[in-house]
Amino acid sequence: MQDARPLDPARPVRVLLWDADGVLQHPQHDWDAGILDHWGGPGFAEALFAAEVPALRGEVTFRECLADLLDQWPLATAGVDDLLGLWERVDRDDEAIRLVRDVAASGVTCVLATNQQDHRKEFLRRHFGYDEVFARSFYSCDLGAMKPEAAYFERVLEALGVSAEEVGGVGFVDDSRANVDTALGLGIRAVHHDPTSGVVGLRSLLGWTHE
């Protein structure tokens, strides 16, 4: 499928969904999965990411997931709080947030659409102020579904009151091709963002050249 331009002046959207990681925020330079294997041994990072999935769906807290995981890795040198702290090693991209505000000021409803567990959700709300940036925020842990599952997008659209006939008025930007493909399959005008292109690339992708 070909990406649509959600802010194409000839066919503008009225709602734009924004992913967080890789679009609006980026890991700090010292955040590397190698840290996890150093703390827990080979395979620990993979096991942790797998253990996080139930928390991303809101089935259990992330703290509980970590505690259960550490019970299975008795030689791990990190504690639960150490691991929680790794998920806070992220920087908000203020230029990207400025773009969100510019787009919102033009009359487009900007909505956060992100996969997060409960700990990360509260960190982002508290430290990055996303509640004030976006008209609505949809965290996977609250929806009981996560991208790239179609159910995630379907629940977002339902909460926004978007009918099947109105889906073409919804745009979506994400750095995950799988997430973009699912959205496109539902009729959402989704685009794939390359984080290395920065905000300049993001502006070009969305067809938004206003400064």
C-alpha atoms as a PDB file:
ATOM      1  CA  MET A   1       0.000   0.000   0.000  1.00  0.00           C
ATOM      2  CA  GLN A   2       1.104   3.560  -0.640  1.00  0.00           C
ATOM      3  CA  ASP A   3       1.262   6.035   2.221  1.00  0.00           C
ATOM      4  CA  ALA A   4      -1.272   8.843   2.084  1.00  0.00           C
ATOM      5  CA  ARG A   5      -0.403  12.388   3.115  1.00  0.00           C
ATOM      6  CA  PRO A   6      -2.681  13.047   6.080  1.00  0.00           C
ATOM      7  CA  LEU A   7      -2.256  16.805   5.794  1.00  0.00           C
ATOM      8  CA  ASP A   8      -2.556  17.007   2.022  1.00  0.00           C
ATOM      9  CA  PRO A   9      -4.301  20.381   1.503  1.00  0.00           C
ATOM     10  CA  ALA A  10      -6.498  18.822  -1.161  1.00  0.00           C
ATOM     11  CA  ARG A  11      -7.805  16.236   1.290  1.00  0.00           C
ATOM     12  CA  PRO A  12      -7.026  17.299   4.867  1.00  0.00           C
ATOM     13  CA  VAL A  13      -7.694  15.136   7.895  1.00  0.00           C
ATOM     14  CA  ARG A  14      -9.655  16.307  10.898  1.00  0.00           C
ATOM     15  CA  VAL A  15      -7.966  13.978  13.408  1.00  0.00           C
ATOM     16  CA  LEU A  16      -4.264  13.064  13.485  1.00  0.00           C
ATOM     17  CA  LEU A  17      -3.008  10.190  15.659  1.00  0.00           C
ATOM     18  CA  TRP A  18       0.609  10.480  16.843  1.00  0.00           C
ATOM     19  CA  ASP A  19       2.836   7.656  18.053  1.00  0.00           C
ATOM     20  CA  ALA A  20       5.209   8.525  20.901  1.00  0.00           C
ATOM     21  CA  ASP A  21       8.457   6.515  20.792  1.00  0.00           C
ATOM     22  CA  GLY A  22      10.431   7.252  17.640  1.00  0.00           C
ATOM     23  CA  VAL A  23       8.206  10.193  16.722  1.00  0.00           C
ATOM     24  CA  LEU A  24       7.779  12.497  19.722  1.00  0.00           C
ATOM     25  CA  GLN A  25      10.420  11.064  22.047  1.00  0.00           C
ATOM     26  CA  HIS A  26      13.674   9.158  21.726  1.00  0.00           C
ATOM     27  CA  PRO A  27      15.784   6.934  23.997  1.00  0.00           C
ATOM     28  CA  GLN A  28      18.708   8.551  25.736  1.00  0.00           C
ATOM     29  CA  HIS A  29      22.152   7.692  24.400  1.00  0.00           C
ATOM     30  CA  ASP A  30      22.945   5.370  27.310  1.00  0.00           C
ATOM     31  CA  TRP A  31      19.788   3.272  26.779  1.00  0.00           C
ATOM     32  CA  ASP A  32      20.784   0.004  25.196  1.00  0.00           C
ATOM     33  CA  ALA A  33      19.345  -3.492  25.524  1.00  0.00           C
ATOM     34  CA  GLY A  34      22.897  -4.577  26.326  1.00  0.00           C
ATOM     35  CA  ILE A  35      22.421  -3.049  29.771  1.00  0.00           C
ATOM     36  CA  LEU A  36      19.732  -5.616  30.474  1.00  0.00           C
ATOM     37  CA  ASP A  37      21.854  -8.571  29.424  1.00  0.00           C
ATOM     38  CA  HIS A  38      24.687  -7.166  31.547  1.00  0.00           C
ATOM     39  CA  TRP A  39      22.390  -7.118  34.560  1.00  0.00           C
ATOM     40  CA  GLY A  40      20.667 -10.443  33.955  1.00  0.00           C
ATOM     41  CA  GLY A  41      22.840 -12.452  31.595  1.00  0.00           C
ATOM     42  CA  PRO A  42      22.359 -13.556  27.989  1.00  0.00           C
ATOM     43  CA  GLY A  43      18.712 -13.598  26.975  1.00  0.00           C
ATOM     44  CA  PHE A  44      17.536 -11.396  29.840  1.00  0.00           C
ATOM     45  CA  ALA A  45      16.640  -8.473  27.568  1.00  0.00           C
ATOM     46  CA  GLU A  46      14.547 -10.676  25.294  1.00  0.00           C
ATOM     47  CA  ALA A  47      12.798 -12.223  28.299  1.00  0.00           C
ATOM     48  CA  LEU A  48      12.036  -8.789  29.758  1.00  0.00           C
ATOM     49  CA  PHE A  49      10.511  -7.427  26.557  1.00  0.00           C
ATOM     50  CA  ALA A  50       8.333 -10.534  26.327  1.00  0.00           C
ATOM     51  CA  ALA A  51       7.314 -10.169  29.971  1.00  0.00           C
ATOM     52  CA  GLU A  52       6.292  -6.554  29.349  1.00  0.00           C
ATOM     53  CA  VAL A  53       3.554  -7.487  26.854  1.00  0.00           C
ATOM     54  CA  PRO A  54       0.803  -8.272  29.426  1.00  0.00           C
ATOM     55  CA  ALA A  55       1.502  -4.884  31.033  1.00  0.00           C
ATOM     56  CA  LEU A  56       1.310  -3.161  27.651  1.00  0.00           C
ATOM     57  CA  ARG A  57      -2.186  -4.640  27.334  1.00  0.00           C
ATOM     58  CA  GLY A  58      -3.108  -3.537  30.857  1.00  0.00           C
ATOM     59  CA  GLU A  59      -3.563  -7.086  32.141  1.00  0.00           C
ATOM     60  CA  VAL A  60      -1.079  -6.598  34.993  1.00  0.00           C
ATOM     61  CA  THR A  61       1.165  -3.815  36.275  1.00  0.00           C
ATOM     62  CA  PHE A  62       4.676  -3.527  34.904  1.00  0.00           C
ATOM     63  CA  ARG A  63       6.075  -3.743  38.426  1.00  0.00           C
ATOM     64  CA  GLU A  64       4.378  -7.115  38.852  1.00  0.00           C
ATOM     65  CA  CYS A  65       5.762  -8.294  35.509  1.00  0.00           C
ATOM     66  CA  LEU A  66       9.278  -7.328  36.558  1.00  0.00           C
ATOM     67  CA  ALA A  67       8.981  -8.967  39.971  1.00  0.00           C
ATOM     68  CA  ASP A  68       7.817 -12.222  38.380  1.00  0.00           C
ATOM     69  CA  LEU A  69      10.627 -12.086  35.842  1.00  0.00           C
ATOM     70  CA  LEU A  70      13.295 -11.529  38.473  1.00  0.00           C
ATOM     71  CA  ASP A  71      12.008 -14.556  40.391  1.00  0.00           C
ATOM     72  CA  GLN A  72      12.942 -16.580  37.302  1.00  0.00           C
ATOM     73  CA  TRP A  73      16.384 -14.942  37.031  1.00  0.00           C
ATOM     74  CA  PRO A  74      17.886 -15.303  40.532  1.00  0.00           C
ATOM     75  CA  LEU A  75      21.358 -14.281  39.331  1.00  0.00           C
ATOM     76  CA  ALA A  76      20.160 -10.916  37.988  1.00  0.00           C
ATOM     77  CA  THR A  77      21.944  -8.025  39.664  1.00  0.00           C
ATOM     78  CA  ALA A  78      19.202  -5.451  39.007  1.00  0.00           C
ATOM     79  CA  GLY A  79      16.143  -4.849  41.141  1.00  0.00           C
ATOM     80  CA  VAL A  80      12.641  -3.885  40.067  1.00  0.00           C
ATOM     81  CA  ASP A  81      13.284  -0.180  40.597  1.00  0.00           C
ATOM     82  CA  ASP A  82      16.493  -0.366  38.528  1.00  0.00           C
ATOM     83  CA  LEU A  83      14.548  -1.831  35.638  1.00  0.00           C
ATOM     84  CA  LEU A  84      11.689   0.663  35.972  1.00  0.00           C
ATOM     85  CA  GLY A  85      14.261   3.434  35.785  1.00  0.00           C
ATOM     86  CA  LEU A  86      15.422   2.258  32.377  1.00  0.00           C
ATOM     87  CA  TRP A  87      11.982   3.016  30.953  1.00  0.00           C
ATOM     88  CA  GLU A  88      12.445   6.616  32.097  1.00  0.00           C
ATOM     89  CA  ARG A  89      15.633   7.089  30.057  1.00  0.00           C
ATOM     90  CA  VAL A  90      13.863   8.903  27.261  1.00  0.00           C
ATOM     91  CA  ASP A  91      13.941  12.498  26.028  1.00  0.00           C
ATOM     92  CA  ARG A  92      10.995  14.444  24.679  1.00  0.00           C
ATOM     93  CA  ASP A  93      11.585  15.971  21.249  1.00  0.00           C
ATOM     94  CA  ASP A  94      10.510  19.547  21.834  1.00  0.00           C
ATOM     95  CA  GLU A  95      10.656  20.391  18.123  1.00  0.00           C
ATOM     96  CA  ALA A  96       8.247  17.547  17.403  1.00  0.00           C
ATOM     97  CA  ILE A  97       5.957  18.756  20.176  1.00  0.00           C
ATOM     98  CA  ARG A  98       6.067  22.233  18.642  1.00  0.00           C
ATOM     99  CA  LEU A  99       4.924  20.679  15.377  1.00  0.00           C
ATOM    100  CA  VAL A 100       2.034  18.959  17.170  1.00  0.00           C
ATOM    101  CA  ARG A 101       0.981  22.299  18.622  1.00  0.00           C
ATOM    102  CA  ASP A 102       1.218  23.978  15.205  1.00  0.00           C
ATOM    103  CA  VAL A 103      -0.939  21.291  13.614  1.00  0.00           C
ATOM    104  CA  ALA A 104      -3.459  21.484  16.450  1.00  0.00           C
ATOM    105  CA  ALA A 105      -3.606  25.269  16.104  1.00  0.00           C
ATOM    106  CA  SER A 106      -4.651  24.812  12.466  1.00  0.00           C
ATOM    107  CA  GLY A 107      -7.809  23.038  13.601  1.00  0.00           C
ATOM    108  CA  VAL A 108      -6.694  19.402  13.376  1.00  0.00           C
ATOM    109  CA  THR A 109      -7.491  17.370  16.497  1.00  0.00           C
ATOM    110  CA  CYS A 110      -4.176  15.865  17.629  1.00  0.00           C
ATOM    111  CA  VAL A 111      -4.373  12.597  19.554  1.00  0.00           C
ATOM    112  CA  LEU A 112      -1.652  10.521  21.227  1.00  0.00           C
ATOM    113  CA  ALA A 113      -1.777   6.840  20.215  1.00  0.00           C
ATOM    114  CA  THR A 114       0.954   4.807  21.885  1.00  0.00           C
ATOM    115  CA  ASN A 115       1.876   1.411  23.319  1.00  0.00           C
ATOM    116  CA  GLN A 116       2.803   1.926  26.969  1.00  0.00           C
ATOM    117  CA  GLN A 117       2.519   0.046  30.237  1.00  0.00           C
ATOM    118  CA  ASP A 118       1.233   1.736  33.388  1.00  0.00           C
ATOM    119  CA  HIS A 119       4.616   2.904  34.742  1.00  0.00           C
ATOM    120  CA  ARG A 120       5.713   4.492  31.472  1.00  0.00           C
ATOM    121  CA  LYS A 121       2.286   6.038  30.949  1.00  0.00           C
ATOM    122  CA  GLU A 122       2.423   7.860  34.269  1.00  0.00           C
ATOM    123  CA  PHE A 123       6.014   8.937  33.662  1.00  0.00           C
ATOM    124  CA  LEU A 124       5.105  10.474  30.293  1.00  0.00           C
ATOM    125  CA  ARG A 125       2.055  12.228  31.689  1.00  0.00           C
ATOM    126  CA  ARG A 126       3.960  13.584  34.675  1.00  0.00           C
ATOM    127  CA  HIS A 127       7.235  14.613  33.038  1.00  0.00           C
ATOM    128  CA  PHE A 128       6.338  15.282  29.408  1.00  0.00           C
ATOM    129  CA  GLY A 129       2.941  16.895  29.952  1.00  0.00           C
ATOM    130  CA  TYR A 130       1.229  15.033  27.151  1.00  0.00           C
ATOM    131  CA  ASP A 131      -2.188  15.628  28.715  1.00  0.00           C
ATOM    132  CA  GLU A 132      -1.759  19.322  27.924  1.00  0.00           C
ATOM    133  CA  VAL A 133      -0.358  18.728  24.429  1.00  0.00           C
ATOM    134  CA  PHE A 134      -3.040  16.387  23.061  1.00  0.00           C
ATOM    135  CA  ALA A 135      -6.803  16.603  22.894  1.00  0.00           C
ATOM    136  CA  ARG A 136      -7.008  12.892  23.768  1.00  0.00           C
ATOM    137  CA  SER A 137      -4.483  10.212  24.716  1.00  0.00           C
ATOM    138  CA  PHE A 138      -4.854   6.484  24.094  1.00  0.00           C
ATOM    139  CA  TYR A 139      -2.404   4.228  25.919  1.00  0.00           C
ATOM    140  CA  SER A 140      -2.467   0.528  25.106  1.00  0.00           C
ATOM    141  CA  CYS A 141      -2.563  -0.383  28.806  1.00  0.00           C
ATOM    142  CA  ASP A 142      -5.901   1.431  29.082  1.00  0.00           C
ATOM    143  CA  LEU A 143      -7.403   0.002  25.885  1.00  0.00           C
ATOM    144  CA  GLY A 144      -6.633  -3.658  26.534  1.00  0.00           C
ATOM    145  CA  ALA A 145      -5.056  -3.943  23.073  1.00  0.00           C
ATOM    146  CA  MET A 146      -1.774  -2.844  21.548  1.00  0.00           C
ATOM    147  CA  LYS A 147      -0.481  -1.860  18.145  1.00  0.00           C
ATOM    148  CA  PRO A 148      -0.237  -3.428  15.581  1.00  0.00           C
ATOM    149  CA  GLU A 149      -3.459  -5.219  16.579  1.00  0.00           C
ATOM    150  CA  ALA A 150      -6.462  -3.948  14.651  1.00  0.00           C
ATOM    151  CA  ALA A 151      -8.410  -3.916  17.925  1.00  0.00           C
ATOM    152  CA  TYR A 152      -6.225  -1.075  19.187  1.00  0.00           C
ATOM    153  CA  PHE A 153      -7.189   1.218  16.317  1.00  0.00           C
ATOM    154  CA  GLU A 154     -10.801   0.099  16.341  1.00  0.00           C
ATOM    155  CA  ARG A 155     -11.130   1.019  20.015  1.00  0.00           C
ATOM    156  CA  VAL A 156      -9.484   4.395  19.426  1.00  0.00           C
ATOM    157  CA  LEU A 157     -11.858   5.156  16.554  1.00  0.00           C
ATOM    158  CA  GLU A 158     -14.848   4.072  18.635  1.00  0.00           C
ATOM    159  CA  ALA A 159     -13.780   6.278  21.545  1.00  0.00           C
ATOM    160  CA  LEU A 160     -13.371   9.216  19.156  1.00  0.00           C
ATOM    161  CA  GLY A 161     -16.813   8.576  17.689  1.00  0.00           C
ATOM    162  CA  VAL A 162     -15.459   8.060  14.170  1.00  0.00           C
ATOM    163  CA  SER A 163     -17.851   6.128  11.932  1.00  0.00           C
ATOM    164  CA  ALA A 164     -16.801   3.823   9.093  1.00  0.00           C
ATOM    165  CA  GLU A 165     -17.646   6.580   6.626  1.00  0.00           C
ATOM    166  CA  GLU A 166     -15.420   9.067   8.462  1.00  0.00           C
ATOM    167  CA  VAL A 167     -12.261   6.954   8.832  1.00  0.00           C
ATOM    168  CA  GLY A 168     -10.710   8.665   5.794  1.00  0.00           C
ATOM    169  CA  GLY A 169     -10.609  11.850   7.852  1.00  0.00           C
ATOM    170  CA  VAL A 170      -8.212  10.272  10.340  1.00  0.00           C
ATOM    171  CA  GLY A 171      -4.424  10.329   9.894  1.00  0.00           C
ATOM    172  CA  PHE A 172      -1.739   8.431  11.788  1.00  0.00           C
ATOM    173  CA  VAL A 173       2.054   8.715  12.012  1.00  0.00           C
ATOM    174  CA  ASP A 174       4.262   5.982  13.491  1.00  0.00           C
ATOM    175  CA  ASP A 175       7.832   4.731  13.122  1.00  0.00           C
ATOM    176  CA  SER A 176       6.669   1.093  12.988  1.00  0.00           C
ATOM    177  CA  ARG A 177       5.800  -0.219   9.535  1.00  0.00           C
ATOM    178  CA  ALA A 178       3.628  -2.973  11.069  1.00  0.00           C
ATOM    179  CA  ASN A 179       1.546  -0.383  12.927  1.00  0.00           C
ATOM    180  CA  VAL A 180       1.186   1.747   9.798  1.00  0.00           C
ATOM    181  CA  ASP A 181       0.125  -1.228   7.683  1.00  0.00           C
ATOM    182  CA  THR A 182      -2.610  -2.207  10.135  1.00  0.00           C
ATOM    183  CA  ALA A 183      -3.930   1.360  10.198  1.00  0.00           C
ATOM    184  CA  LEU A 184      -3.903   1.567   6.406  1.00  0.00           C
ATOM    185  CA  GLY A 185      -5.847  -1.673   6.247  1.00  0.00           C
ATOM    186  CA  LEU A 186      -8.586  -0.057   8.324  1.00  0.00           C
ATOM    187  CA  GLY A 187      -8.805   2.953   6.011  1.00  0.00           C
ATOM    188  CA  ILE A 188      -6.776   5.314   8.211  1.00  0.00           C
ATOM    189  CA  ARG A 189      -4.428   7.574   6.256  1.00  0.00           C
ATOM    190  CA  ALA A 190      -1.248   6.380   7.912  1.00  0.00           C
ATOM    191  CA  VAL A 191       2.380   7.301   7.178  1.00  0.00           C
ATOM    192  CA  HIS A 192       5.655   5.681   8.206  1.00  0.00           C
ATOM    193  CA  HIS A 193       8.186   8.013   9.856  1.00  0.00           C
ATOM    194  CA  ASP A 194      11.928   7.358   9.836  1.00  0.00           C
ATOM    195  CA  PRO A 195      13.227   8.691  13.191  1.00  0.00           C
ATOM    196  CA  THR A 196      16.615   9.451  11.645  1.00  0.00           C
ATOM    197  CA  SER A 197      14.957  12.076   9.417  1.00  0.00           C
ATOM    198  CA  GLY A 198      14.112  14.169  12.479  1.00  0.00           C
ATOM    199  CA  VAL A 199      11.439  16.827  12.603  1.00  0.00           C
ATOM    200  CA  VAL A 200      12.384  18.063   9.134  1.00  0.00           C
ATOM    201  CA  GLY A 201      11.459  14.659   7.777  1.00  0.00           C
ATOM    202  CA  LEU A 202       8.324  14.566   9.884  1.00  0.00           C
ATOM    203  CA  ARG A 203       7.162  17.916   8.534  1.00  0.00           C
ATOM    204  CA  SER A 204       7.794  16.805   4.974  1.00  0.00           C
ATOM    205  CA  LEU A 205       6.042  13.474   5.559  1.00  0.00           C
ATOM    206  CA  LEU A 206       2.926  15.159   6.888  1.00  0.00           C
ATOM    207  CA  GLY A 207       2.959  17.786   4.161  1.00  0.00           C
ATOM    208  CA  TRP A 208       3.297  20.455   6.857  1.00  0.00           C
ATOM    209  CA  THR A 209       5.812  23.109   5.866  1.00  0.00           C
ATOM    210  CA  HIS A 210       4.574  25.937   8.086  1.00  0.00           C
ATOM    211  CA  GLU A 211       7.249  27.281  10.443  1.00  0.00           C
END
